[in-house]
Amino acid sequence: MDNLDDILTLLESPEATVKSSKNQKRKWREIEALKDKHRLRKELQDLDWSHEIELEELNF
């Protein structure tokens, strides 16, 4: 019965959900940062259409 209790404890532990939640939040932050860079590049190109801006030039 100890094995069953150990398995149930592992399945019910909140650590697994915390880690996946943190990874999910990190991924969304990365996606939002990329969207911000693209938005900024588009705005800068609208202001100065003669200059091509690369994403690597945008540091933030």
PDB file of N, CA and C in Angstrom:
ATOM      1  N   MET A   1       0.801  -1.200   0.000  1.00  0.00           N
ATOM      2  CA  MET A   1       0.000   0.000   0.000  1.00  0.00           C
ATOM      3  C   MET A   1       0.843   1.263   0.000  1.00  0.00           C
ATOM      4  N   ASP A   2       2.070   1.167   0.471  1.00  0.00           N
ATOM      5  CA  ASP A   2       2.935   2.338   0.484  1.00  0.00           C
ATOM      6  C   ASP A   2       3.192   2.846  -0.931  1.00  0.00           C
ATOM      7  N   ASN A   3       3.336   1.935  -1.865  1.00  0.00           N
ATOM      8  CA  ASN A   3       3.570   2.340  -3.248  1.00  0.00           C
ATOM      9  C   ASN A   3       2.391   3.126  -3.798  1.00  0.00           C
ATOM     10  N   LEU A   4       1.203   2.694  -3.491  1.00  0.00           N
ATOM     11  CA  LEU A   4       0.011   3.399  -3.939  1.00  0.00           C
ATOM     12  C   LEU A   4      -0.043   4.795  -3.331  1.00  0.00           C
ATOM     13  N   ASP A   5       0.285   4.909  -2.058  1.00  0.00           N
ATOM     14  CA  ASP A   5       0.307   6.213  -1.398  1.00  0.00           C
ATOM     15  C   ASP A   5       1.355   7.125  -2.021  1.00  0.00           C
ATOM     16  N   ASP A   6       2.515   6.567  -2.342  1.00  0.00           N
ATOM     17  CA  ASP A   6       3.569   7.358  -2.978  1.00  0.00           C
ATOM     18  C   ASP A   6       3.126   7.869  -4.342  1.00  0.00           C
ATOM     19  N   ILE A   7       2.489   7.013  -5.100  1.00  0.00           N
ATOM     20  CA  ILE A   7       2.014   7.406  -6.430  1.00  0.00           C
ATOM     21  C   ILE A   7       0.957   8.492  -6.316  1.00  0.00           C
ATOM     22  N   LEU A   8       0.030   8.324  -5.393  1.00  0.00           N
ATOM     23  CA  LEU A   8      -1.007   9.338  -5.200  1.00  0.00           C
ATOM     24  C   LEU A   8      -0.408  10.665  -4.757  1.00  0.00           C
ATOM     25  N   THR A   9       0.590  10.620  -3.910  1.00  0.00           N
ATOM     26  CA  THR A   9       1.255  11.840  -3.455  1.00  0.00           C
ATOM     27  C   THR A   9       1.928  12.552  -4.620  1.00  0.00           C
ATOM     28  N   LEU A  10       2.590  11.794  -5.472  1.00  0.00           N
ATOM     29  CA  LEU A  10       3.248  12.387  -6.634  1.00  0.00           C
ATOM     30  C   LEU A  10       2.247  13.010  -7.595  1.00  0.00           C
ATOM     31  N   LEU A  11       1.139  12.330  -7.807  1.00  0.00           N
ATOM     32  CA  LEU A  11       0.126  12.844  -8.726  1.00  0.00           C
ATOM     33  C   LEU A  11      -0.567  14.086  -8.189  1.00  0.00           C
ATOM     34  N   GLU A  12      -0.697  14.175  -6.891  1.00  0.00           N
ATOM     35  CA  GLU A  12      -1.397  15.298  -6.286  1.00  0.00           C
ATOM     36  C   GLU A  12      -0.485  16.471  -5.964  1.00  0.00           C
ATOM     37  N   SER A  13       0.804  16.312  -6.133  1.00  0.00           N
ATOM     38  CA  SER A  13       1.724  17.387  -5.755  1.00  0.00           C
ATOM     39  C   SER A  13       1.555  18.583  -6.688  1.00  0.00           C
ATOM     40  N   PRO A  14       1.508  19.781  -6.133  1.00  0.00           N
ATOM     41  CA  PRO A  14       1.324  20.987  -6.947  1.00  0.00           C
ATOM     42  C   PRO A  14       2.590  21.407  -7.693  1.00  0.00           C
ATOM     43  N   GLU A  15       3.725  20.791  -7.399  1.00  0.00           N
ATOM     44  CA  GLU A  15       4.977  21.193  -8.037  1.00  0.00           C
ATOM     45  C   GLU A  15       4.932  21.015  -9.543  1.00  0.00           C
ATOM     46  N   ALA A  16       4.301  19.975 -10.019  1.00  0.00           N
ATOM     47  CA  ALA A  16       4.226  19.725 -11.455  1.00  0.00           C
ATOM     48  C   ALA A  16       3.460  20.841 -12.153  1.00  0.00           C
ATOM     49  N   THR A  17       2.384  21.301 -11.564  1.00  0.00           N
ATOM     50  CA  THR A  17       1.608  22.364 -12.194  1.00  0.00           C
ATOM     51  C   THR A  17       2.327  23.697 -12.094  1.00  0.00           C
ATOM     52  N   VAL A  18       3.076  23.912 -11.046  1.00  0.00           N
ATOM     53  CA  VAL A  18       3.812  25.168 -10.892  1.00  0.00           C
ATOM     54  C   VAL A  18       4.888  25.269 -11.964  1.00  0.00           C
ATOM     55  N   LYS A  19       5.619  24.186 -12.204  1.00  0.00           N
ATOM     56  CA  LYS A  19       6.674  24.208 -13.210  1.00  0.00           C
ATOM     57  C   LYS A  19       6.099  24.429 -14.596  1.00  0.00           C
ATOM     58  N   SER A  20       5.042  23.730 -14.942  1.00  0.00           N
ATOM     59  CA  SER A  20       4.468  23.894 -16.270  1.00  0.00           C
ATOM     60  C   SER A  20       3.854  25.279 -16.417  1.00  0.00           C
ATOM     61  N   SER A  21       3.308  25.798 -15.355  1.00  0.00           N
ATOM     62  CA  SER A  21       2.740  27.138 -15.392  1.00  0.00           C
ATOM     63  C   SER A  21       3.832  28.176 -15.613  1.00  0.00           C
ATOM     64  N   LYS A  22       4.975  28.003 -14.942  1.00  0.00           N
ATOM     65  CA  LYS A  22       6.086  28.937 -15.117  1.00  0.00           C
ATOM     66  C   LYS A  22       6.627  28.873 -16.534  1.00  0.00           C
ATOM     67  N   ASN A  23       6.748  27.661 -17.088  1.00  0.00           N
ATOM     68  CA  ASN A  23       7.223  27.519 -18.460  1.00  0.00           C
ATOM     69  C   ASN A  23       6.257  28.169 -19.435  1.00  0.00           C
ATOM     70  N   GLN A  24       4.977  28.000 -19.184  1.00  0.00           N
ATOM     71  CA  GLN A  24       3.971  28.578 -20.059  1.00  0.00           C
ATOM     72  C   GLN A  24       4.028  30.104 -19.997  1.00  0.00           C
ATOM     73  N   LYS A  25       4.186  30.663 -18.811  1.00  0.00           N
ATOM     74  CA  LYS A  25       4.288  32.111 -18.669  1.00  0.00           C
ATOM     75  C   LYS A  25       5.532  32.636 -19.363  1.00  0.00           C
ATOM     76  N   ARG A  26       6.646  31.911 -19.247  1.00  0.00           N
ATOM     77  CA  ARG A  26       7.890  32.326 -19.881  1.00  0.00           C
ATOM     78  C   ARG A  26       7.730  32.337 -21.402  1.00  0.00           C
ATOM     79  N   LYS A  27       7.079  31.319 -21.938  1.00  0.00           N
ATOM     80  CA  LYS A  27       6.863  31.252 -23.382  1.00  0.00           C
ATOM     81  C   LYS A  27       6.009  32.418 -23.850  1.00  0.00           C
ATOM     82  N   TRP A  28       4.964  32.739 -23.086  1.00  0.00           N
ATOM     83  CA  TRP A  28       4.115  33.856 -23.475  1.00  0.00           C
ATOM     84  C   TRP A  28       4.868  35.177 -23.390  1.00  0.00           C
ATOM     85  N   ARG A  29       5.759  35.318 -22.411  1.00  0.00           N
ATOM     86  CA  ARG A  29       6.574  36.536 -22.329  1.00  0.00           C
ATOM     87  C   ARG A  29       7.468  36.656 -23.551  1.00  0.00           C
ATOM     88  N   GLU A  30       8.050  35.532 -23.982  1.00  0.00           N
ATOM     89  CA  GLU A  30       8.902  35.545 -25.168  1.00  0.00           C
ATOM     90  C   GLU A  30       8.088  35.900 -26.409  1.00  0.00           C
ATOM     91  N   ILE A  31       6.895  35.353 -26.518  1.00  0.00           N
ATOM     92  CA  ILE A  31       6.030  35.660 -27.656  1.00  0.00           C
ATOM     93  C   ILE A  31       5.657  37.136 -27.652  1.00  0.00           C
ATOM     94  N   GLU A  32       5.295  37.665 -26.493  1.00  0.00           N
ATOM     95  CA  GLU A  32       4.942  39.081 -26.392  1.00  0.00           C
ATOM     96  C   GLU A  32       6.130  39.974 -26.738  1.00  0.00           C
ATOM     97  N   ALA A  33       7.333  39.591 -26.333  1.00  0.00           N
ATOM     98  CA  ALA A  33       8.525  40.372 -26.656  1.00  0.00           C
ATOM     99  C   ALA A  33       8.752  40.393 -28.164  1.00  0.00           C
ATOM    100  N   LEU A  34       8.569  39.257 -28.818  1.00  0.00           N
ATOM    101  CA  LEU A  34       8.715  39.217 -30.275  1.00  0.00           C
ATOM    102  C   LEU A  34       7.653  40.071 -30.960  1.00  0.00           C
ATOM    103  N   LYS A  35       6.427  40.011 -30.467  1.00  0.00           N
ATOM    104  CA  LYS A  35       5.363  40.840 -31.035  1.00  0.00           C
ATOM    105  C   LYS A  35       5.692  42.319 -30.867  1.00  0.00           C
ATOM    106  N   ASP A  36       6.221  42.692 -29.692  1.00  0.00           N
ATOM    107  CA  ASP A  36       6.601  44.085 -29.455  1.00  0.00           C
ATOM    108  C   ASP A  36       7.686  44.528 -30.423  1.00  0.00           C
ATOM    109  N   LYS A  37       8.673  43.663 -30.676  1.00  0.00           N
ATOM    110  CA  LYS A  37       9.738  44.006 -31.614  1.00  0.00           C
ATOM    111  C   LYS A  37       9.185  44.209 -33.018  1.00  0.00           C
ATOM    112  N   HIS A  38       8.299  43.327 -33.442  1.00  0.00           N
ATOM    113  CA  HIS A  38       7.701  43.459 -34.771  1.00  0.00           C
ATOM    114  C   HIS A  38       6.860  44.731 -34.867  1.00  0.00           C
ATOM    115  N   ARG A  39       6.105  45.019 -33.810  1.00  0.00           N
ATOM    116  CA  ARG A  39       5.289  46.226 -33.784  1.00  0.00           C
ATOM    117  C   ARG A  39       6.167  47.473 -33.852  1.00  0.00           C
ATOM    118  N   LEU A  40       7.254  47.481 -33.086  1.00  0.00           N
ATOM    119  CA  LEU A  40       8.168  48.614 -33.086  1.00  0.00           C
ATOM    120  C   LEU A  40       8.826  48.784 -34.447  1.00  0.00           C
ATOM    121  N   ARG A  41       9.246  47.672 -35.048  1.00  0.00           N
ATOM    122  CA  ARG A  41       9.871  47.745 -36.369  1.00  0.00           C
ATOM    123  C   ARG A  41       8.899  48.325 -37.390  1.00  0.00           C
ATOM    124  N   LYS A  42       7.642  47.905 -37.341  1.00  0.00           N
ATOM    125  CA  LYS A  42       6.640  48.421 -38.276  1.00  0.00           C
ATOM    126  C   LYS A  42       6.415  49.912 -38.054  1.00  0.00           C
ATOM    127  N   GLU A  43       6.323  50.328 -36.800  1.00  0.00           N
ATOM    128  CA  GLU A  43       6.136  51.749 -36.505  1.00  0.00           C
ATOM    129  C   GLU A  43       7.318  52.574 -36.998  1.00  0.00           C
ATOM    130  N   LEU A  44       8.535  52.080 -36.780  1.00  0.00           N
ATOM    131  CA  LEU A  44       9.715  52.808 -37.235  1.00  0.00           C
ATOM    132  C   LEU A  44       9.783  52.862 -38.754  1.00  0.00           C
ATOM    133  N   GLN A  45       9.380  51.796 -39.418  1.00  0.00           N
ATOM    134  CA  GLN A  45       9.361  51.805 -40.873  1.00  0.00           C
ATOM    135  C   GLN A  45       8.303  52.764 -41.396  1.00  0.00           C
ATOM    136  N   ASP A  46       7.185  52.884 -40.699  1.00  0.00           N
ATOM    137  CA  ASP A  46       6.154  53.836 -41.101  1.00  0.00           C
ATOM    138  C   ASP A  46       6.671  55.267 -40.993  1.00  0.00           C
ATOM    139  N   LEU A  47       7.497  55.523 -39.990  1.00  0.00           N
ATOM    140  CA  LEU A  47       8.058  56.858 -39.820  1.00  0.00           C
ATOM    141  C   LEU A  47       9.142  57.151 -40.852  1.00  0.00           C
ATOM    142  N   ASP A  48       9.979  56.182 -41.138  1.00  0.00           N
ATOM    143  CA  ASP A  48      11.078  56.361 -42.088  1.00  0.00           C
ATOM    144  C   ASP A  48      11.072  55.182 -43.056  1.00  0.00           C
ATOM    145  N   TRP A  49      10.281  55.280 -44.096  1.00  0.00           N
ATOM    146  CA  TRP A  49      10.102  54.172 -45.023  1.00  0.00           C
ATOM    147  C   TRP A  49      11.333  53.887 -45.873  1.00  0.00           C
ATOM    148  N   SER A  50      12.310  54.785 -45.887  1.00  0.00           N
ATOM    149  CA  SER A  50      13.505  54.570 -46.705  1.00  0.00           C
ATOM    150  C   SER A  50      14.560  53.727 -45.988  1.00  0.00           C
ATOM    151  N   HIS A  51      14.364  53.454 -44.711  1.00  0.00           N
ATOM    152  CA  HIS A  51      15.355  52.708 -43.931  1.00  0.00           C
ATOM    153  C   HIS A  51      14.778  51.355 -43.523  1.00  0.00           C
ATOM    154  N   GLU A  52      15.470  50.292 -43.921  1.00  0.00           N
ATOM    155  CA  GLU A  52      15.058  48.931 -43.553  1.00  0.00           C
ATOM    156  C   GLU A  52      15.659  48.586 -42.193  1.00  0.00           C
ATOM    157  N   ILE A  53      14.835  48.195 -41.246  1.00  0.00           N
ATOM    158  CA  ILE A  53      15.279  47.895 -39.887  1.00  0.00           C
ATOM    159  C   ILE A  53      15.205  46.392 -39.665  1.00  0.00           C
ATOM    160  N   GLU A  54      16.281  45.831 -39.154  1.00  0.00           N
ATOM    161  CA  GLU A  54      16.317  44.409 -38.820  1.00  0.00           C
ATOM    162  C   GLU A  54      15.940  44.225 -37.350  1.00  0.00           C
ATOM    163  N   LEU A  55      15.383  43.077 -37.027  1.00  0.00           N
ATOM    164  CA  LEU A  55      14.994  42.801 -35.636  1.00  0.00           C
ATOM    165  C   LEU A  55      16.191  42.800 -34.698  1.00  0.00           C
ATOM    166  N   GLU A  56      17.353  42.398 -35.188  1.00  0.00           N
ATOM    167  CA  GLU A  56      18.542  42.353 -34.344  1.00  0.00           C
ATOM    168  C   GLU A  56      18.995  43.751 -33.925  1.00  0.00           C
ATOM    169  N   GLU A  57      18.622  44.765 -34.711  1.00  0.00           N
ATOM    170  CA  GLU A  57      19.001  46.136 -34.373  1.00  0.00           C
ATOM    171  C   GLU A  57      18.181  46.682 -33.205  1.00  0.00           C
ATOM    172  N   LEU A  58      17.048  46.086 -32.947  1.00  0.00           N
ATOM    173  CA  LEU A  58      16.174  46.556 -31.877  1.00  0.00           C
ATOM    174  C   LEU A  58      16.580  45.895 -30.573  1.00  0.00           C
ATOM    175  N   ASN A  59      17.197  46.653 -29.708  1.00  0.00           N
ATOM    176  CA  ASN A  59      17.656  46.118 -28.422  1.00  0.00           C
ATOM    177  C   ASN A  59      16.775  46.642 -27.308  1.00  0.00           C
ATOM    178  N   PHE A  60      16.088  45.729 -26.633  1.00  0.00           N
ATOM    179  CA  PHE A  60      15.352  46.090 -25.421  1.00  0.00           C
ATOM    180  C   PHE A  60      15.058  44.900 -24.609  1.00  0.00           C
TER     181      PHE A  60
END
